[in-house]
Amino acid sequence: MKLIGIDSSGLVAGVAVWQDGVLLAERLVNYKKTHSQTLLPMLAQIREELELDLSAVDAVAVASGPGSFTGLRIGSATAKGLGFVMECPIVEVPTLEGLAYRMWGTQSLICPVMDARREQVYTGIYELAPEEEAVPVPVWEQRAVSVTEAAEKLNALGREVLFLGDGVRVYREKLDDLLQVPHGYAPAHLALQSAGAVASLGAIYLKQGRFVQAADHAPEYLRSSQAERSGPKDFEI
């Protein structure tokens, strides 16, 4: 089984190739370039280095949201294009589940935190069993909430928790102030999205039959965009 993984849901843009339990290649960029400038060149580089036959790819796994509206659209458009060209299905990996999967092996609760702006975060609470193909099990489904609400939920659960995601940089001090349970933060090399994690988790979901055809794929935004919230504007002529 061979999958291409794509994640452009946040600050990081990443592409990976996974085959039969082995991560063959992964590229990521966490810089100010737009994801449309980086995704396809990274895929082209990986394809050349691996001498990758696209016709041999079984599926494309993509971080399906929540996240940056622009980033999700770019990632989804790239995944759909590959799905159409290669005639393979799309495995939609919820962004927060892909993040949580990076913490495989911990016995703590896992709480990915992505900065959703407007004093909110995209977050959820997960736990992972130690079995080899265990997937993140939601204790609290992904949602857009305030940091205060997330901290209240974690305090009510009363268990140790591990945080990761780009929202940590923004809200770490506030989390430290609000939390009454033991907690920690993932190190830099594990803290942000990974196309490799999306591909690895996508392989499990593919075996479980959790996939869609390219024409049916759409990102999960969780909330409306700023333009949609603002509504139509009136212009004077």
C-alpha atoms as a PDB file:
ATOM      1  CA  MET A   1       0.000   0.000   0.000  1.00  0.00           C
ATOM      2  CA  LYS A   2       1.336   3.424  -0.956  1.00  0.00           C
ATOM      3  CA  LEU A   3      -0.054   6.842   0.006  1.00  0.00           C
ATOM      4  CA  ILE A   4       0.798  10.470  -0.563  1.00  0.00           C
ATOM      5  CA  GLY A   5       0.176  12.657   2.481  1.00  0.00           C
ATOM      6  CA  ILE A   6      -0.579  16.385   2.306  1.00  0.00           C
ATOM      7  CA  ASP A   7      -0.995  18.897   5.112  1.00  0.00           C
ATOM      8  CA  SER A   8      -1.356  22.623   4.519  1.00  0.00           C
ATOM      9  CA  SER A   9      -3.941  23.266   7.215  1.00  0.00           C
ATOM     10  CA  GLY A  10      -1.769  25.612   9.265  1.00  0.00           C
ATOM     11  CA  LEU A  11       1.596  27.336   9.240  1.00  0.00           C
ATOM     12  CA  VAL A  12       3.362  24.235   7.946  1.00  0.00           C
ATOM     13  CA  ALA A  13       3.070  22.982   4.391  1.00  0.00           C
ATOM     14  CA  GLY A  14       4.074  19.347   4.047  1.00  0.00           C
ATOM     15  CA  VAL A  15       4.117  16.442   1.614  1.00  0.00           C
ATOM     16  CA  ALA A  16       5.033  12.831   2.397  1.00  0.00           C
ATOM     17  CA  VAL A  17       5.063   9.389   0.814  1.00  0.00           C
ATOM     18  CA  TRP A  18       4.256   6.332   2.947  1.00  0.00           C
ATOM     19  CA  GLN A  19       4.530   2.715   1.812  1.00  0.00           C
ATOM     20  CA  ASP A  20       3.766  -0.460   3.774  1.00  0.00           C
ATOM     21  CA  GLY A  21       4.522   0.987   7.170  1.00  0.00           C
ATOM     22  CA  VAL A  22       7.594   2.957   6.071  1.00  0.00           C
ATOM     23  CA  LEU A  23       7.758   6.729   5.685  1.00  0.00           C
ATOM     24  CA  LEU A  24       9.802   6.950   2.478  1.00  0.00           C
ATOM     25  CA  ALA A  25      10.048  10.735   2.306  1.00  0.00           C
ATOM     26  CA  GLU A  26       8.696  13.894   3.882  1.00  0.00           C
ATOM     27  CA  ARG A  27       9.187  17.567   3.100  1.00  0.00           C
ATOM     28  CA  LEU A  28       7.884  20.468   5.148  1.00  0.00           C
ATOM     29  CA  VAL A  29       8.226  24.216   5.095  1.00  0.00           C
ATOM     30  CA  ASN A  30       7.322  26.472   8.011  1.00  0.00           C
ATOM     31  CA  TYR A  31       8.036  29.833   6.454  1.00  0.00           C
ATOM     32  CA  LYS A  32       6.248  32.889   5.080  1.00  0.00           C
ATOM     33  CA  LYS A  33       5.770  31.549   1.555  1.00  0.00           C
ATOM     34  CA  THR A  34       2.216  30.639   0.607  1.00  0.00           C
ATOM     35  CA  HIS A  35       1.398  26.946   0.448  1.00  0.00           C
ATOM     36  CA  SER A  36       0.573  27.251  -3.239  1.00  0.00           C
ATOM     37  CA  GLN A  37       4.255  28.082  -3.795  1.00  0.00           C
ATOM     38  CA  THR A  38       5.586  25.105  -1.875  1.00  0.00           C
ATOM     39  CA  LEU A  39       3.306  22.041  -2.071  1.00  0.00           C
ATOM     40  CA  LEU A  40       3.711  21.046  -5.709  1.00  0.00           C
ATOM     41  CA  PRO A  41       7.467  21.776  -5.869  1.00  0.00           C
ATOM     42  CA  MET A  42       7.961  19.583  -2.770  1.00  0.00           C
ATOM     43  CA  LEU A  43       5.898  16.800  -4.331  1.00  0.00           C
ATOM     44  CA  ALA A  44       7.879  17.087  -7.566  1.00  0.00           C
ATOM     45  CA  GLN A  45      11.128  16.826  -5.625  1.00  0.00           C
ATOM     46  CA  ILE A  46       9.964  13.744  -3.730  1.00  0.00           C
ATOM     47  CA  ARG A  47       8.659  12.171  -6.910  1.00  0.00           C
ATOM     48  CA  GLU A  48      12.051  12.621  -8.589  1.00  0.00           C
ATOM     49  CA  GLU A  49      14.067  11.376  -5.620  1.00  0.00           C
ATOM     50  CA  LEU A  50      11.908   8.275  -5.117  1.00  0.00           C
ATOM     51  CA  GLU A  51      11.392   7.698  -8.834  1.00  0.00           C
ATOM     52  CA  LEU A  52       7.753   7.615  -7.801  1.00  0.00           C
ATOM     53  CA  ASP A  53       5.279   6.067 -10.199  1.00  0.00           C
ATOM     54  CA  LEU A  54       2.063   7.967  -9.524  1.00  0.00           C
ATOM     55  CA  SER A  55       0.006   5.162 -11.036  1.00  0.00           C
ATOM     56  CA  ALA A  56       1.171   2.953  -8.155  1.00  0.00           C
ATOM     57  CA  VAL A  57      -0.244   5.274  -5.472  1.00  0.00           C
ATOM     58  CA  ASP A  58      -3.305   3.806  -3.746  1.00  0.00           C
ATOM     59  CA  ALA A  59      -4.674   6.977  -2.159  1.00  0.00           C
ATOM     60  CA  VAL A  60      -4.009  10.580  -1.216  1.00  0.00           C
ATOM     61  CA  ALA A  61      -4.387  11.418   2.476  1.00  0.00           C
ATOM     62  CA  VAL A  62      -5.021  15.081   3.213  1.00  0.00           C
ATOM     63  CA  ALA A  63      -5.506  17.098   6.380  1.00  0.00           C
ATOM     64  CA  SER A  64      -9.167  17.952   5.892  1.00  0.00           C
ATOM     65  CA  GLY A  65      -9.647  20.613   8.553  1.00  0.00           C
ATOM     66  CA  PRO A  66     -10.127  22.585  10.602  1.00  0.00           C
ATOM     67  CA  GLY A  67      -7.423  25.113   9.950  1.00  0.00           C
ATOM     68  CA  SER A  68      -6.493  28.058   7.788  1.00  0.00           C
ATOM     69  CA  PHE A  69      -9.226  28.590   5.183  1.00  0.00           C
ATOM     70  CA  THR A  70      -6.712  29.367   2.458  1.00  0.00           C
ATOM     71  CA  GLY A  71      -4.395  26.550   3.474  1.00  0.00           C
ATOM     72  CA  LEU A  72      -7.214  24.008   3.542  1.00  0.00           C
ATOM     73  CA  ARG A  73      -8.418  25.074   0.110  1.00  0.00           C
ATOM     74  CA  ILE A  74      -4.922  24.751  -1.345  1.00  0.00           C
ATOM     75  CA  GLY A  75      -4.387  21.323   0.212  1.00  0.00           C
ATOM     76  CA  SER A  76      -7.801  20.074  -0.840  1.00  0.00           C
ATOM     77  CA  ALA A  77      -7.387  21.356  -4.398  1.00  0.00           C
ATOM     78  CA  THR A  78      -4.007  19.631  -4.630  1.00  0.00           C
ATOM     79  CA  ALA A  79      -5.403  16.373  -3.249  1.00  0.00           C
ATOM     80  CA  LYS A  80      -8.423  16.471  -5.556  1.00  0.00           C
ATOM     81  CA  GLY A  81      -6.229  17.147  -8.571  1.00  0.00           C
ATOM     82  CA  LEU A  82      -3.994  14.200  -7.716  1.00  0.00           C
ATOM     83  CA  GLY A  83      -7.026  12.024  -7.064  1.00  0.00           C
ATOM     84  CA  PHE A  84      -8.481  12.803 -10.474  1.00  0.00           C
ATOM     85  CA  VAL A  85      -5.178  12.340 -12.305  1.00  0.00           C
ATOM     86  CA  MET A  86      -4.235   9.116 -10.519  1.00  0.00           C
ATOM     87  CA  GLU A  87      -7.825   7.845 -10.296  1.00  0.00           C
ATOM     88  CA  CYS A  88      -7.423   7.071  -6.614  1.00  0.00           C
ATOM     89  CA  PRO A  89      -9.508   7.891  -3.520  1.00  0.00           C
ATOM     90  CA  ILE A  90      -8.993  10.672  -0.990  1.00  0.00           C
ATOM     91  CA  VAL A  91      -8.569   9.838   2.693  1.00  0.00           C
ATOM     92  CA  GLU A  92      -9.808  12.770   4.754  1.00  0.00           C
ATOM     93  CA  VAL A  93      -7.781  12.995   7.968  1.00  0.00           C
ATOM     94  CA  PRO A  94      -9.177  15.546  10.440  1.00  0.00           C
ATOM     95  CA  THR A  95      -6.369  17.989  11.152  1.00  0.00           C
ATOM     96  CA  LEU A  96      -6.578  17.609  14.916  1.00  0.00           C
ATOM     97  CA  GLU A  97      -6.502  13.818  14.682  1.00  0.00           C
ATOM     98  CA  GLY A  98      -3.378  14.052  12.528  1.00  0.00           C
ATOM     99  CA  LEU A  99      -1.781  16.271  15.164  1.00  0.00           C
ATOM    100  CA  ALA A 100      -2.820  13.991  18.022  1.00  0.00           C
ATOM    101  CA  TYR A 101      -1.383  10.979  16.198  1.00  0.00           C
ATOM    102  CA  ARG A 102       2.072  12.549  16.502  1.00  0.00           C
ATOM    103  CA  MET A 103       1.887  11.845  20.250  1.00  0.00           C
ATOM    104  CA  TRP A 104       1.406   8.087  19.808  1.00  0.00           C
ATOM    105  CA  GLY A 105       2.650   6.241  22.891  1.00  0.00           C
ATOM    106  CA  THR A 106       1.692   8.796  25.535  1.00  0.00           C
ATOM    107  CA  GLN A 107      -0.734   7.837  28.286  1.00  0.00           C
ATOM    108  CA  SER A 108      -1.749  11.449  28.805  1.00  0.00           C
ATOM    109  CA  LEU A 109      -4.708  13.102  27.175  1.00  0.00           C
ATOM    110  CA  ILE A 110      -3.665  14.854  23.969  1.00  0.00           C
ATOM    111  CA  CYS A 111      -4.975  18.329  23.224  1.00  0.00           C
ATOM    112  CA  PRO A 112      -4.050  19.847  19.852  1.00  0.00           C
ATOM    113  CA  VAL A 113      -4.521  23.624  19.845  1.00  0.00           C
ATOM    114  CA  MET A 114      -4.626  25.642  16.636  1.00  0.00           C
ATOM    115  CA  ASP A 115      -4.980  29.406  16.641  1.00  0.00           C
ATOM    116  CA  ALA A 116      -8.408  30.157  15.126  1.00  0.00           C
ATOM    117  CA  ARG A 117      -8.126  33.943  15.715  1.00  0.00           C
ATOM    118  CA  ARG A 118     -10.937  35.978  17.269  1.00  0.00           C
ATOM    119  CA  GLU A 119      -9.833  34.711  20.723  1.00  0.00           C
ATOM    120  CA  GLN A 120     -10.679  31.137  19.756  1.00  0.00           C
ATOM    121  CA  VAL A 121      -8.803  27.929  19.104  1.00  0.00           C
ATOM    122  CA  TYR A 122      -9.566  24.846  17.061  1.00  0.00           C
ATOM    123  CA  THR A 123      -9.158  22.036  19.527  1.00  0.00           C
ATOM    124  CA  GLY A 124     -10.265  18.616  20.681  1.00  0.00           C
ATOM    125  CA  ILE A 125      -9.185  16.132  23.328  1.00  0.00           C
ATOM    126  CA  TYR A 126      -7.925  12.681  22.371  1.00  0.00           C
ATOM    127  CA  GLU A 127      -6.405   9.547  23.816  1.00  0.00           C
ATOM    128  CA  LEU A 128      -4.382   6.862  22.072  1.00  0.00           C
ATOM    129  CA  ALA A 129      -4.258   3.174  22.911  1.00  0.00           C
ATOM    130  CA  PRO A 130      -0.819   1.491  22.743  1.00  0.00           C
ATOM    131  CA  GLU A 131      -1.780  -0.921  19.956  1.00  0.00           C
ATOM    132  CA  GLU A 132       0.186  -0.560  16.712  1.00  0.00           C
ATOM    133  CA  GLU A 133      -2.710   0.660  14.567  1.00  0.00           C
ATOM    134  CA  ALA A 134      -4.589   2.532  17.278  1.00  0.00           C
ATOM    135  CA  VAL A 135      -6.137   5.787  16.084  1.00  0.00           C
ATOM    136  CA  PRO A 136      -6.886   8.913  18.119  1.00  0.00           C
ATOM    137  CA  VAL A 137     -10.115   8.427  20.069  1.00  0.00           C
ATOM    138  CA  PRO A 138     -11.958  11.689  20.725  1.00  0.00           C
ATOM    139  CA  VAL A 139     -12.814  12.390  24.339  1.00  0.00           C
ATOM    140  CA  TRP A 140     -14.052  15.811  23.210  1.00  0.00           C
ATOM    141  CA  GLU A 141     -14.793  16.214  19.509  1.00  0.00           C
ATOM    142  CA  GLN A 142     -12.970  18.877  17.469  1.00  0.00           C
ATOM    143  CA  ARG A 143     -14.530  22.329  17.734  1.00  0.00           C
ATOM    144  CA  ALA A 144     -13.825  26.069  17.766  1.00  0.00           C
ATOM    145  CA  VAL A 145     -13.949  27.402  21.335  1.00  0.00           C
ATOM    146  CA  SER A 146     -12.263  29.885  23.634  1.00  0.00           C
ATOM    147  CA  VAL A 147      -9.125  28.847  25.485  1.00  0.00           C
ATOM    148  CA  THR A 148     -11.056  29.307  28.730  1.00  0.00           C
ATOM    149  CA  GLU A 149     -13.696  26.780  27.683  1.00  0.00           C
ATOM    150  CA  ALA A 150     -11.048  24.276  26.637  1.00  0.00           C
ATOM    151  CA  ALA A 151      -9.224  24.675  29.964  1.00  0.00           C
ATOM    152  CA  GLU A 152     -12.464  24.240  31.909  1.00  0.00           C
ATOM    153  CA  LYS A 153     -13.153  20.983  30.076  1.00  0.00           C
ATOM    154  CA  LEU A 154      -9.645  19.683  30.781  1.00  0.00           C
ATOM    155  CA  ASN A 155      -9.890  20.639  34.459  1.00  0.00           C
ATOM    156  CA  ALA A 156     -13.199  18.784  34.682  1.00  0.00           C
ATOM    157  CA  LEU A 157     -11.615  15.660  33.186  1.00  0.00           C
ATOM    158  CA  GLY A 158      -8.909  15.797  35.848  1.00  0.00           C
ATOM    159  CA  ARG A 159      -6.187  14.009  33.882  1.00  0.00           C
ATOM    160  CA  GLU A 160      -2.691  14.912  32.756  1.00  0.00           C
ATOM    161  CA  VAL A 161      -2.680  16.520  29.313  1.00  0.00           C
ATOM    162  CA  LEU A 162      -0.121  17.109  26.573  1.00  0.00           C
ATOM    163  CA  PHE A 163      -0.515  20.088  24.226  1.00  0.00           C
ATOM    164  CA  LEU A 164       0.745  20.671  20.703  1.00  0.00           C
ATOM    165  CA  GLY A 165      -0.126  22.869  17.731  1.00  0.00           C
ATOM    166  CA  ASP A 166       0.534  26.456  16.633  1.00  0.00           C
ATOM    167  CA  GLY A 167      -1.935  27.775  19.217  1.00  0.00           C
ATOM    168  CA  VAL A 168       0.462  26.833  22.014  1.00  0.00           C
ATOM    169  CA  ARG A 169       2.823  29.656  21.068  1.00  0.00           C
ATOM    170  CA  VAL A 170      -0.062  32.139  21.296  1.00  0.00           C
ATOM    171  CA  TYR A 171      -1.865  30.831  24.374  1.00  0.00           C
ATOM    172  CA  ARG A 172       0.705  28.975  26.489  1.00  0.00           C
ATOM    173  CA  GLU A 173       0.794  31.551  29.290  1.00  0.00           C
ATOM    174  CA  LYS A 174      -2.986  31.648  29.463  1.00  0.00           C
ATOM    175  CA  LEU A 175      -3.175  27.838  29.562  1.00  0.00           C
ATOM    176  CA  ASP A 176      -0.649  27.777  32.397  1.00  0.00           C
ATOM    177  CA  ASP A 177      -2.802  30.245  34.335  1.00  0.00           C
ATOM    178  CA  LEU A 178      -6.095  28.427  33.748  1.00  0.00           C
ATOM    179  CA  LEU A 179      -5.144  24.769  34.088  1.00  0.00           C
ATOM    180  CA  GLN A 180      -5.397  22.955  37.406  1.00  0.00           C
ATOM    181  CA  VAL A 181      -4.190  19.590  36.066  1.00  0.00           C
ATOM    182  CA  PRO A 182      -0.653  18.395  35.252  1.00  0.00           C
ATOM    183  CA  HIS A 183       0.226  19.394  31.708  1.00  0.00           C
ATOM    184  CA  GLY A 184       3.104  19.621  29.266  1.00  0.00           C
ATOM    185  CA  TYR A 185       3.946  20.742  25.745  1.00  0.00           C
ATOM    186  CA  ALA A 186       5.342  18.822  22.781  1.00  0.00           C
ATOM    187  CA  PRO A 187       8.905  19.706  21.682  1.00  0.00           C
ATOM    188  CA  ALA A 188       9.470  21.702  18.508  1.00  0.00           C
ATOM    189  CA  HIS A 189      10.069  18.694  16.239  1.00  0.00           C
ATOM    190  CA  LEU A 190       6.657  17.255  17.178  1.00  0.00           C
ATOM    191  CA  ALA A 191       4.659  20.399  17.850  1.00  0.00           C
ATOM    192  CA  LEU A 192       3.219  21.194  14.415  1.00  0.00           C
ATOM    193  CA  GLN A 193       1.434  19.385  11.596  1.00  0.00           C
ATOM    194  CA  SER A 194       3.142  16.547   9.764  1.00  0.00           C
ATOM    195  CA  ALA A 195       2.264  15.189   6.333  1.00  0.00           C
ATOM    196  CA  GLY A 196       3.953  11.978   7.438  1.00  0.00           C
ATOM    197  CA  ALA A 197       1.502  11.614  10.326  1.00  0.00           C
ATOM    198  CA  VAL A 198      -1.394  12.337   7.943  1.00  0.00           C
ATOM    199  CA  ALA A 199      -0.158   9.651   5.541  1.00  0.00           C
ATOM    200  CA  SER A 200       0.426   7.094   8.315  1.00  0.00           C
ATOM    201  CA  LEU A 201      -2.959   7.671   9.908  1.00  0.00           C
ATOM    202  CA  GLY A 202      -4.551   7.830   6.460  1.00  0.00           C
ATOM    203  CA  ALA A 203      -3.260   4.330   5.711  1.00  0.00           C
ATOM    204  CA  ILE A 204      -5.150   2.990   8.727  1.00  0.00           C
ATOM    205  CA  TYR A 205      -8.308   4.835   7.725  1.00  0.00           C
ATOM    206  CA  LEU A 206      -7.985   3.545   4.173  1.00  0.00           C
ATOM    207  CA  LYS A 207      -7.917  -0.041   5.475  1.00  0.00           C
ATOM    208  CA  GLN A 208     -11.043   0.769   7.475  1.00  0.00           C
ATOM    209  CA  GLY A 209     -12.821   1.982   4.338  1.00  0.00           C
ATOM    210  CA  ARG A 210     -12.815   5.616   5.427  1.00  0.00           C
ATOM    211  CA  PHE A 211     -12.249   7.366   2.101  1.00  0.00           C
ATOM    212  CA  VAL A 212     -14.115   9.350  -0.551  1.00  0.00           C
ATOM    213  CA  GLN A 213     -13.728   9.804  -4.269  1.00  0.00           C
ATOM    214  CA  ALA A 214     -11.966  12.939  -5.448  1.00  0.00           C
ATOM    215  CA  ALA A 215     -15.172  14.553  -6.688  1.00  0.00           C
ATOM    216  CA  ASP A 216     -16.770  14.205  -3.241  1.00  0.00           C
ATOM    217  CA  HIS A 217     -13.933  15.623  -1.147  1.00  0.00           C
ATOM    218  CA  ALA A 218     -14.339  18.975   0.586  1.00  0.00           C
ATOM    219  CA  PRO A 219     -12.516  20.482   3.572  1.00  0.00           C
ATOM    220  CA  GLU A 220     -14.138  20.813   7.002  1.00  0.00           C
ATOM    221  CA  TYR A 221     -13.909  24.420   8.117  1.00  0.00           C
ATOM    222  CA  LEU A 222     -15.890  24.119  11.388  1.00  0.00           C
ATOM    223  CA  ARG A 223     -16.987  27.739  11.097  1.00  0.00           C
ATOM    224  CA  SER A 224     -17.723  30.267   8.356  1.00  0.00           C
ATOM    225  CA  SER A 225     -14.993  32.421   6.842  1.00  0.00           C
ATOM    226  CA  GLN A 226     -14.466  36.089   7.694  1.00  0.00           C
ATOM    227  CA  ALA A 227     -16.037  37.107   4.379  1.00  0.00           C
ATOM    228  CA  GLU A 228     -19.105  34.988   5.073  1.00  0.00           C
ATOM    229  CA  ARG A 229     -19.419  36.373   8.602  1.00  0.00           C
ATOM    230  CA  SER A 230     -19.128  39.954   7.356  1.00  0.00           C
ATOM    231  CA  GLY A 231     -21.843  39.482   4.760  1.00  0.00           C
ATOM    232  CA  PRO A 232     -22.349  41.506   1.566  1.00  0.00           C
ATOM    233  CA  LYS A 233     -21.064  45.059   1.546  1.00  0.00           C
ATOM    234  CA  ASP A 234     -22.922  48.114   0.332  1.00  0.00           C
ATOM    235  CA  PHE A 235     -21.008  50.344  -2.010  1.00  0.00           C
ATOM    236  CA  GLU A 236     -21.773  53.918  -2.942  1.00  0.00           C
ATOM    237  CA  ILE A 237     -21.404  54.906  -6.606  1.00  0.00           C
END
